Amino acid sequence: MAATNTVERAVSAGGNRIAAMNQSAVEGVKQATRTVAQKSRQAAVNIRRSVDDHYSYDMRSTAGAMKVRLETRYGIENVTP
């Protein structure tokens, strides 16, 4: 009977260790998923900012070109882009 109890305790302890390792693995995956999601959101923000900066520069330069064209070609003065 004592041997049976010892085996049961050993099996139980082994099961508890496996459960703890599984829980640790689950927490690791959850943390990795959060990290990837956060980095993805930040990358999307960075891309949006880059695109916005690029196109706002293009719009300013286009507006400036239109201003020069209106003032020089058509004689319109004080054009505000």
PDB file of N, CA and C in Angstrom:
ATOM      1  N   MET A   1       0.822  -1.197   0.000  1.00  0.00           N
ATOM      2  CA  MET A   1       0.000   0.000   0.000  1.00  0.00           C
ATOM      3  C   MET A   1       0.859   1.251   0.000  1.00  0.00           C
ATOM      4  N   ALA A   2       1.959   1.196   0.745  1.00  0.00           N
ATOM      5  CA  ALA A   2       2.853   2.353   0.812  1.00  0.00           C
ATOM      6  C   ALA A   2       3.456   2.638  -0.551  1.00  0.00           C
ATOM      7  N   ALA A   3       3.771   1.574  -1.286  1.00  0.00           N
ATOM      8  CA  ALA A   3       4.347   1.756  -2.621  1.00  0.00           C
ATOM      9  C   ALA A   3       3.329   2.413  -3.546  1.00  0.00           C
ATOM     10  N   THR A   4       2.081   2.020  -3.410  1.00  0.00           N
ATOM     11  CA  THR A   4       1.031   2.613  -4.239  1.00  0.00           C
ATOM     12  C   THR A   4       0.908   4.111  -3.953  1.00  0.00           C
ATOM     13  N   ASN A   5       0.919   4.469  -2.670  1.00  0.00           N
ATOM     14  CA  ASN A   5       0.837   5.888  -2.313  1.00  0.00           C
ATOM     15  C   ASN A   5       2.026   6.676  -2.845  1.00  0.00           C
ATOM     16  N   THR A   6       3.193   6.080  -2.790  1.00  0.00           N
ATOM     17  CA  THR A   6       4.401   6.742  -3.283  1.00  0.00           C
ATOM     18  C   THR A   6       4.301   6.971  -4.789  1.00  0.00           C
ATOM     19  N   VAL A   7       3.842   5.945  -5.495  1.00  0.00           N
ATOM     20  CA  VAL A   7       3.686   6.065  -6.959  1.00  0.00           C
ATOM     21  C   VAL A   7       2.630   7.116  -7.283  1.00  0.00           C
ATOM     22  N   GLU A   8       1.523   7.102  -6.560  1.00  0.00           N
ATOM     23  CA  GLU A   8       0.473   8.089  -6.802  1.00  0.00           C
ATOM     24  C   GLU A   8       0.982   9.504  -6.564  1.00  0.00           C
ATOM     25  N   ARG A   9       1.752   9.684  -5.485  1.00  0.00           N
ATOM     26  CA  ARG A   9       2.301  11.013  -5.208  1.00  0.00           C
ATOM     27  C   ARG A   9       3.275  11.446  -6.294  1.00  0.00           C
ATOM     28  N   ALA A  10       4.098  10.498  -6.750  1.00  0.00           N
ATOM     29  CA  ALA A  10       5.071  10.813  -7.807  1.00  0.00           C
ATOM     30  C   ALA A  10       4.359  11.198  -9.099  1.00  0.00           C
ATOM     31  N   VAL A  11       3.332  10.442  -9.440  1.00  0.00           N
ATOM     32  CA  VAL A  11       2.557  10.738 -10.648  1.00  0.00           C
ATOM     33  C   VAL A  11       1.874  12.091 -10.511  1.00  0.00           C
ATOM     34  N   SER A  12       1.303  12.342  -9.350  1.00  0.00           N
ATOM     35  CA  SER A  12       0.618  13.608  -9.099  1.00  0.00           C
ATOM     36  C   SER A  12       1.602  14.773  -9.202  1.00  0.00           C
ATOM     37  N   ALA A  13       2.782  14.605  -8.594  1.00  0.00           N
ATOM     38  CA  ALA A  13       3.793  15.669  -8.647  1.00  0.00           C
ATOM     39  C   ALA A  13       4.247  15.897 -10.076  1.00  0.00           C
ATOM     40  N   GLY A  14       4.435  14.817 -10.812  1.00  0.00           N
ATOM     41  CA  GLY A  14       4.823  14.941 -12.223  1.00  0.00           C
ATOM     42  C   GLY A  14       3.754  15.650 -13.021  1.00  0.00           C
ATOM     43  N   GLY A  15       2.499  15.298 -12.759  1.00  0.00           N
ATOM     44  CA  GLY A  15       1.383  15.958 -13.447  1.00  0.00           C
ATOM     45  C   GLY A  15       1.334  17.443 -13.124  1.00  0.00           C
ATOM     46  N   ASN A  16       1.587  17.782 -11.855  1.00  0.00           N
ATOM     47  CA  ASN A  16       1.586  19.189 -11.460  1.00  0.00           C
ATOM     48  C   ASN A  16       2.704  19.959 -12.154  1.00  0.00           C
ATOM     49  N   ARG A  17       3.878  19.317 -12.271  1.00  0.00           N
ATOM     50  CA  ARG A  17       4.990  19.977 -12.959  1.00  0.00           C
ATOM     51  C   ARG A  17       4.680  20.191 -14.432  1.00  0.00           C
ATOM     52  N   ILE A  18       4.074  19.193 -15.046  1.00  0.00           N
ATOM     53  CA  ILE A  18       3.696  19.324 -16.462  1.00  0.00           C
ATOM     54  C   ILE A  18       2.660  20.429 -16.622  1.00  0.00           C
ATOM     55  N   ALA A  19       1.694  20.475 -15.728  1.00  0.00           N
ATOM     56  CA  ALA A  19       0.672  21.516 -15.783  1.00  0.00           C
ATOM     57  C   ALA A  19       1.310  22.896 -15.624  1.00  0.00           C
ATOM     58  N   ALA A  20       2.274  23.006 -14.721  1.00  0.00           N
ATOM     59  CA  ALA A  20       2.959  24.286 -14.512  1.00  0.00           C
ATOM     60  C   ALA A  20       3.751  24.685 -15.755  1.00  0.00           C
ATOM     61  N   MET A  21       4.414  23.718 -16.389  1.00  0.00           N
ATOM     62  CA  MET A  21       5.168  24.021 -17.614  1.00  0.00           C
ATOM     63  C   MET A  21       4.224  24.439 -18.734  1.00  0.00           C
ATOM     64  N   ASN A  22       3.101  23.745 -18.830  1.00  0.00           N
ATOM     65  CA  ASN A  22       2.125  24.116 -19.856  1.00  0.00           C
ATOM     66  C   ASN A  22       1.606  25.529 -19.625  1.00  0.00           C
ATOM     67  N   GLN A  23       1.307  25.855 -18.374  1.00  0.00           N
ATOM     68  CA  GLN A  23       0.815  27.192 -18.049  1.00  0.00           C
ATOM     69  C   GLN A  23       1.881  28.238 -18.394  1.00  0.00           C
ATOM     70  N   SER A  24       3.129  27.917 -18.093  1.00  0.00           N
ATOM     71  CA  SER A  24       4.224  28.826 -18.411  1.00  0.00           C
ATOM     72  C   SER A  24       4.334  29.031 -19.923  1.00  0.00           C
ATOM     73  N   ALA A  25       4.185  27.944 -20.669  1.00  0.00           N
ATOM     74  CA  ALA A  25       4.241  28.034 -22.130  1.00  0.00           C
ATOM     75  C   ALA A  25       3.087  28.880 -22.664  1.00  0.00           C
ATOM     76  N   VAL A  26       1.903  28.677 -22.093  1.00  0.00           N
ATOM     77  CA  VAL A  26       0.731  29.464 -22.512  1.00  0.00           C
ATOM     78  C   VAL A  26       0.973  30.950 -22.243  1.00  0.00           C
ATOM     79  N   GLU A  27       1.505  31.271 -21.062  1.00  0.00           N
ATOM     80  CA  GLU A  27       1.792  32.670 -20.736  1.00  0.00           C
ATOM     81  C   GLU A  27       2.840  33.248 -21.686  1.00  0.00           C
ATOM     82  N   GLY A  28       3.834  32.447 -22.035  1.00  0.00           N
ATOM     83  CA  GLY A  28       4.857  32.892 -22.983  1.00  0.00           C
ATOM     84  C   GLY A  28       4.263  33.199 -24.347  1.00  0.00           C
ATOM     85  N   VAL A  29       3.368  32.350 -24.812  1.00  0.00           N
ATOM     86  CA  VAL A  29       2.714  32.578 -26.108  1.00  0.00           C
ATOM     87  C   VAL A  29       1.839  33.825 -26.050  1.00  0.00           C
ATOM     88  N   LYS A  30       1.116  34.000 -24.946  1.00  0.00           N
ATOM     89  CA  LYS A  30       0.272  35.190 -24.796  1.00  0.00           C
ATOM     90  C   LYS A  30       1.118  36.457 -24.837  1.00  0.00           C
ATOM     91  N   GLN A  31       2.253  36.451 -24.128  1.00  0.00           N
ATOM     92  CA  GLN A  31       3.137  37.614 -24.097  1.00  0.00           C
ATOM     93  C   GLN A  31       3.714  37.885 -25.479  1.00  0.00           C
ATOM     94  N   ALA A  32       4.120  36.830 -26.165  1.00  0.00           N
ATOM     95  CA  ALA A  32       4.663  36.997 -27.521  1.00  0.00           C
ATOM     96  C   ALA A  32       3.599  37.568 -28.457  1.00  0.00           C
ATOM     97  N   THR A  33       2.368  37.104 -28.311  1.00  0.00           N
ATOM     98  CA  THR A  33       1.275  37.605 -29.144  1.00  0.00           C
ATOM     99  C   THR A  33       1.027  39.085 -28.870  1.00  0.00           C
ATOM    100  N   ARG A  34       1.058  39.467 -27.580  1.00  0.00           N
ATOM    101  CA  ARG A  34       0.881  40.884 -27.240  1.00  0.00           C
ATOM    102  C   ARG A  34       2.004  41.730 -27.825  1.00  0.00           C
ATOM    103  N   THR A  35       3.222  41.232 -27.734  1.00  0.00           N
ATOM    104  CA  THR A  35       4.377  41.976 -28.250  1.00  0.00           C
ATOM    105  C   THR A  35       4.270  42.159 -29.756  1.00  0.00           C
ATOM    106  N   VAL A  36       3.927  41.091 -30.460  1.00  0.00           N
ATOM    107  CA  VAL A  36       3.792  41.175 -31.920  1.00  0.00           C
ATOM    108  C   VAL A  36       2.676  42.144 -32.295  1.00  0.00           C
ATOM    109  N   ALA A  37       1.550  42.071 -31.594  1.00  0.00           N
ATOM    110  CA  ALA A  37       0.438  42.971 -31.884  1.00  0.00           C
ATOM    111  C   ALA A  37       0.843  44.421 -31.646  1.00  0.00           C
ATOM    112  N   GLN A  38       1.549  44.673 -30.562  1.00  0.00           N
ATOM    113  CA  GLN A  38       1.992  46.036 -30.254  1.00  0.00           C
ATOM    114  C   GLN A  38       2.954  46.541 -31.323  1.00  0.00           C
ATOM    115  N   LYS A  39       3.910  45.716 -31.711  1.00  0.00           N
ATOM    116  CA  LYS A  39       4.875  46.125 -32.737  1.00  0.00           C
ATOM    117  C   LYS A  39       4.183  46.327 -34.084  1.00  0.00           C
ATOM    118  N   SER A  40       3.176  45.521 -34.384  1.00  0.00           N
ATOM    119  CA  SER A  40       2.429  45.680 -35.631  1.00  0.00           C
ATOM    120  C   SER A  40       1.673  46.998 -35.644  1.00  0.00           C
ATOM    121  N   ARG A  41       1.036  47.323 -34.495  1.00  0.00           N
ATOM    122  CA  ARG A  41       0.326  48.602 -34.418  1.00  0.00           C
ATOM    123  C   ARG A  41       1.293  49.767 -34.586  1.00  0.00           C
ATOM    124  N   GLN A  42       2.451  49.684 -33.936  1.00  0.00           N
ATOM    125  CA  GLN A  42       3.432  50.761 -34.039  1.00  0.00           C
ATOM    126  C   GLN A  42       3.960  50.879 -35.468  1.00  0.00           C
ATOM    127  N   ALA A  43       4.178  49.751 -36.129  1.00  0.00           N
ATOM    128  CA  ALA A  43       4.642  49.783 -37.519  1.00  0.00           C
ATOM    129  C   ALA A  43       3.591  50.432 -38.418  1.00  0.00           C
ATOM    130  N   ALA A  44       2.313  50.126 -38.178  1.00  0.00           N
ATOM    131  CA  ALA A  44       1.242  50.735 -38.973  1.00  0.00           C
ATOM    132  C   ALA A  44       1.206  52.242 -38.757  1.00  0.00           C
ATOM    133  N   VAL A  45       1.386  52.679 -37.514  1.00  0.00           N
ATOM    134  CA  VAL A  45       1.415  54.116 -37.219  1.00  0.00           C
ATOM    135  C   VAL A  45       2.597  54.763 -37.932  1.00  0.00           C
ATOM    136  N   ASN A  46       3.753  54.127 -37.873  1.00  0.00           N
ATOM    137  CA  ASN A  46       4.937  54.675 -38.525  1.00  0.00           C
ATOM    138  C   ASN A  46       4.752  54.775 -40.040  1.00  0.00           C
ATOM    139  N   ILE A  47       4.137  53.757 -40.627  1.00  0.00           N
ATOM    140  CA  ILE A  47       3.891  53.784 -42.074  1.00  0.00           C
ATOM    141  C   ILE A  47       2.928  54.903 -42.420  1.00  0.00           C
ATOM    142  N   ARG A  48       1.853  55.040 -41.621  1.00  0.00           N
ATOM    143  CA  ARG A  48       0.894  56.121 -41.883  1.00  0.00           C
ATOM    144  C   ARG A  48       1.567  57.479 -41.794  1.00  0.00           C
ATOM    145  N   ARG A  49       2.391  57.671 -40.763  1.00  0.00           N
ATOM    146  CA  ARG A  49       3.091  58.947 -40.613  1.00  0.00           C
ATOM    147  C   ARG A  49       4.010  59.214 -41.791  1.00  0.00           C
ATOM    148  N   SER A  50       4.715  58.180 -42.216  1.00  0.00           N
ATOM    149  CA  SER A  50       5.638  58.328 -43.340  1.00  0.00           C
ATOM    150  C   SER A  50       4.877  58.712 -44.612  1.00  0.00           C
ATOM    151  N   VAL A  51       3.763  58.019 -44.855  1.00  0.00           N
ATOM    152  CA  VAL A  51       2.962  58.318 -46.044  1.00  0.00           C
ATOM    153  C   VAL A  51       2.378  59.722 -45.942  1.00  0.00           C
ATOM    154  N   ASP A  52       1.852  60.080 -44.764  1.00  0.00           N
ATOM    155  CA  ASP A  52       1.292  61.417 -44.576  1.00  0.00           C
ATOM    156  C   ASP A  52       2.342  62.491 -44.808  1.00  0.00           C
ATOM    157  N   ASP A  53       3.539  62.291 -44.246  1.00  0.00           N
ATOM    158  CA  ASP A  53       4.621  63.260 -44.447  1.00  0.00           C
ATOM    159  C   ASP A  53       4.977  63.383 -45.916  1.00  0.00           C
ATOM    160  N   HIS A  54       5.055  62.256 -46.591  1.00  0.00           N
ATOM    161  CA  HIS A  54       5.423  62.256 -48.004  1.00  0.00           C
ATOM    162  C   HIS A  54       4.389  63.019 -48.832  1.00  0.00           C
ATOM    163  N   TYR A  55       3.110  62.682 -48.631  1.00  0.00           N
ATOM    164  CA  TYR A  55       2.085  63.312 -49.450  1.00  0.00           C
ATOM    165  C   TYR A  55       1.825  64.752 -49.037  1.00  0.00           C
ATOM    166  N   SER A  56       1.971  65.080 -47.754  1.00  0.00           N
ATOM    167  CA  SER A  56       1.779  66.475 -47.385  1.00  0.00           C
ATOM    168  C   SER A  56       2.886  67.323 -47.998  1.00  0.00           C
ATOM    169  N   TYR A  57       4.106  66.778 -48.101  1.00  0.00           N
ATOM    170  CA  TYR A  57       5.190  67.499 -48.768  1.00  0.00           C
ATOM    171  C   TYR A  57       4.849  67.691 -50.245  1.00  0.00           C
ATOM    172  N   ASP A  58       4.363  66.624 -50.888  1.00  0.00           N
ATOM    173  CA  ASP A  58       3.990  66.732 -52.302  1.00  0.00           C
ATOM    174  C   ASP A  58       2.892  67.760 -52.501  1.00  0.00           C
ATOM    175  N   MET A  59       1.918  67.769 -51.591  1.00  0.00           N
ATOM    176  CA  MET A  59       0.822  68.740 -51.723  1.00  0.00           C
ATOM    177  C   MET A  59       1.335  70.161 -51.544  1.00  0.00           C
ATOM    178  N   ARG A  60       2.249  70.367 -50.607  1.00  0.00           N
ATOM    179  CA  ARG A  60       2.804  71.712 -50.423  1.00  0.00           C
ATOM    180  C   ARG A  60       3.584  72.144 -51.654  1.00  0.00           C
ATOM    181  N   SER A  61       4.386  71.252 -52.210  1.00  0.00           N
ATOM    182  CA  SER A  61       5.179  71.628 -53.378  1.00  0.00           C
ATOM    183  C   SER A  61       4.268  71.857 -54.584  1.00  0.00           C
ATOM    184  N   THR A  62       3.196  71.054 -54.702  1.00  0.00           N
ATOM    185  CA  THR A  62       2.235  71.250 -55.797  1.00  0.00           C
ATOM    186  C   THR A  62       1.519  72.583 -55.627  1.00  0.00           C
ATOM    187  N   ALA A  63       1.121  72.903 -54.396  1.00  0.00           N
ATOM    188  CA  ALA A  63       0.451  74.179 -54.145  1.00  0.00           C
ATOM    189  C   ALA A  63       1.396  75.335 -54.457  1.00  0.00           C
ATOM    190  N   GLY A  64       2.660  75.183 -54.087  1.00  0.00           N
ATOM    191  CA  GLY A  64       3.640  76.229 -54.389  1.00  0.00           C
ATOM    192  C   GLY A  64       3.810  76.405 -55.889  1.00  0.00           C
ATOM    193  N   ALA A  65       3.838  75.293 -56.624  1.00  0.00           N
ATOM    194  CA  ALA A  65       3.960  75.380 -58.087  1.00  0.00           C
ATOM    195  C   ALA A  65       2.738  76.048 -58.685  1.00  0.00           C
ATOM    196  N   MET A  66       1.553  75.743 -58.172  1.00  0.00           N
ATOM    197  CA  MET A  66       0.334  76.393 -58.664  1.00  0.00           C
ATOM    198  C   MET A  66       0.369  77.891 -58.387  1.00  0.00           C
ATOM    199  N   LYS A  67       0.857  78.279 -57.219  1.00  0.00           N
ATOM    200  CA  LYS A  67       0.947  79.693 -56.836  1.00  0.00           C
ATOM    201  C   LYS A  67       1.841  80.440 -57.825  1.00  0.00           C
ATOM    202  N   VAL A  68       3.007  79.847 -58.089  1.00  0.00           N
ATOM    203  CA  VAL A  68       3.946  80.491 -59.020  1.00  0.00           C
ATOM    204  C   VAL A  68       3.314  80.599 -60.403  1.00  0.00           C
ATOM    205  N   ARG A  69       2.644  79.548 -60.854  1.00  0.00           N
ATOM    206  CA  ARG A  69       2.023  79.558 -62.174  1.00  0.00           C
ATOM    207  C   ARG A  69       0.933  80.626 -62.259  1.00  0.00           C
ATOM    208  N   LEU A  70       0.094  80.716 -61.231  1.00  0.00           N
ATOM    209  CA  LEU A  70      -0.980  81.712 -61.256  1.00  0.00           C
ATOM    210  C   LEU A  70      -0.415  83.132 -61.231  1.00  0.00           C
ATOM    211  N   GLU A  71       0.615  83.345 -60.436  1.00  0.00           N
ATOM    212  CA  GLU A  71       1.181  84.692 -60.315  1.00  0.00           C
ATOM    213  C   GLU A  71       1.936  85.101 -61.577  1.00  0.00           C
ATOM    214  N   THR A  72       2.699  84.166 -62.156  1.00  0.00           N
ATOM    215  CA  THR A  72       3.517  84.553 -63.304  1.00  0.00           C
ATOM    216  C   THR A  72       2.753  84.490 -64.618  1.00  0.00           C
ATOM    217  N   ARG A  73       2.064  83.405 -64.850  1.00  0.00           N
ATOM    218  CA  ARG A  73       1.405  83.235 -66.147  1.00  0.00           C
ATOM    219  C   ARG A  73       0.161  84.100 -66.278  1.00  0.00           C
ATOM    220  N   TYR A  74      -0.624  84.186 -65.210  1.00  0.00           N
ATOM    221  CA  TYR A  74      -1.908  84.874 -65.311  1.00  0.00           C
ATOM    222  C   TYR A  74      -1.918  86.220 -64.612  1.00  0.00           C
ATOM    223  N   GLY A  75      -0.828  86.596 -64.000  1.00  0.00           N
ATOM    224  CA  GLY A  75      -0.742  87.901 -63.377  1.00  0.00           C
ATOM    225  C   GLY A  75      -1.583  88.038 -62.109  1.00  0.00           C
ATOM    226  N   ILE A  76      -1.999  86.940 -61.536  1.00  0.00           N
ATOM    227  CA  ILE A  76      -2.775  86.998 -60.302  1.00  0.00           C
ATOM    228  C   ILE A  76      -1.790  87.144 -59.151  1.00  0.00           C
ATOM    229  N   GLU A  77      -2.033  88.096 -58.263  1.00  0.00           N
ATOM    230  CA  GLU A  77      -1.082  88.346 -57.183  1.00  0.00           C
ATOM    231  C   GLU A  77      -1.625  87.856 -55.846  1.00  0.00           C
ATOM    232  N   ASN A  78      -0.681  87.671 -54.902  1.00  0.00           N
ATOM    233  CA  ASN A  78      -1.003  87.294 -53.531  1.00  0.00           C
ATOM    234  C   ASN A  78      -1.809  86.002 -53.445  1.00  0.00           C
ATOM    235  N   VAL A  79      -1.412  85.030 -54.203  1.00  0.00           N
ATOM    236  CA  VAL A  79      -2.082  83.725 -54.127  1.00  0.00           C
ATOM    237  C   VAL A  79      -1.578  83.007 -52.888  1.00  0.00           C
ATOM    238  N   THR A  80      -2.491  82.531 -52.070  1.00  0.00           N
ATOM    239  CA  THR A  80      -2.113  81.770 -50.875  1.00  0.00           C
ATOM    240  C   THR A  80      -2.416  80.300 -51.128  1.00  0.00           C
ATOM    241  N   PRO A  81      -1.373  79.470 -51.138  1.00  0.00           N
ATOM    242  CA  PRO A  81      -1.633  78.046 -51.401  1.00  0.00           C
ATOM    243  C   PRO A  81      -2.316  77.379 -50.219  1.00  0.00           C
TER     244      PRO A  81
END
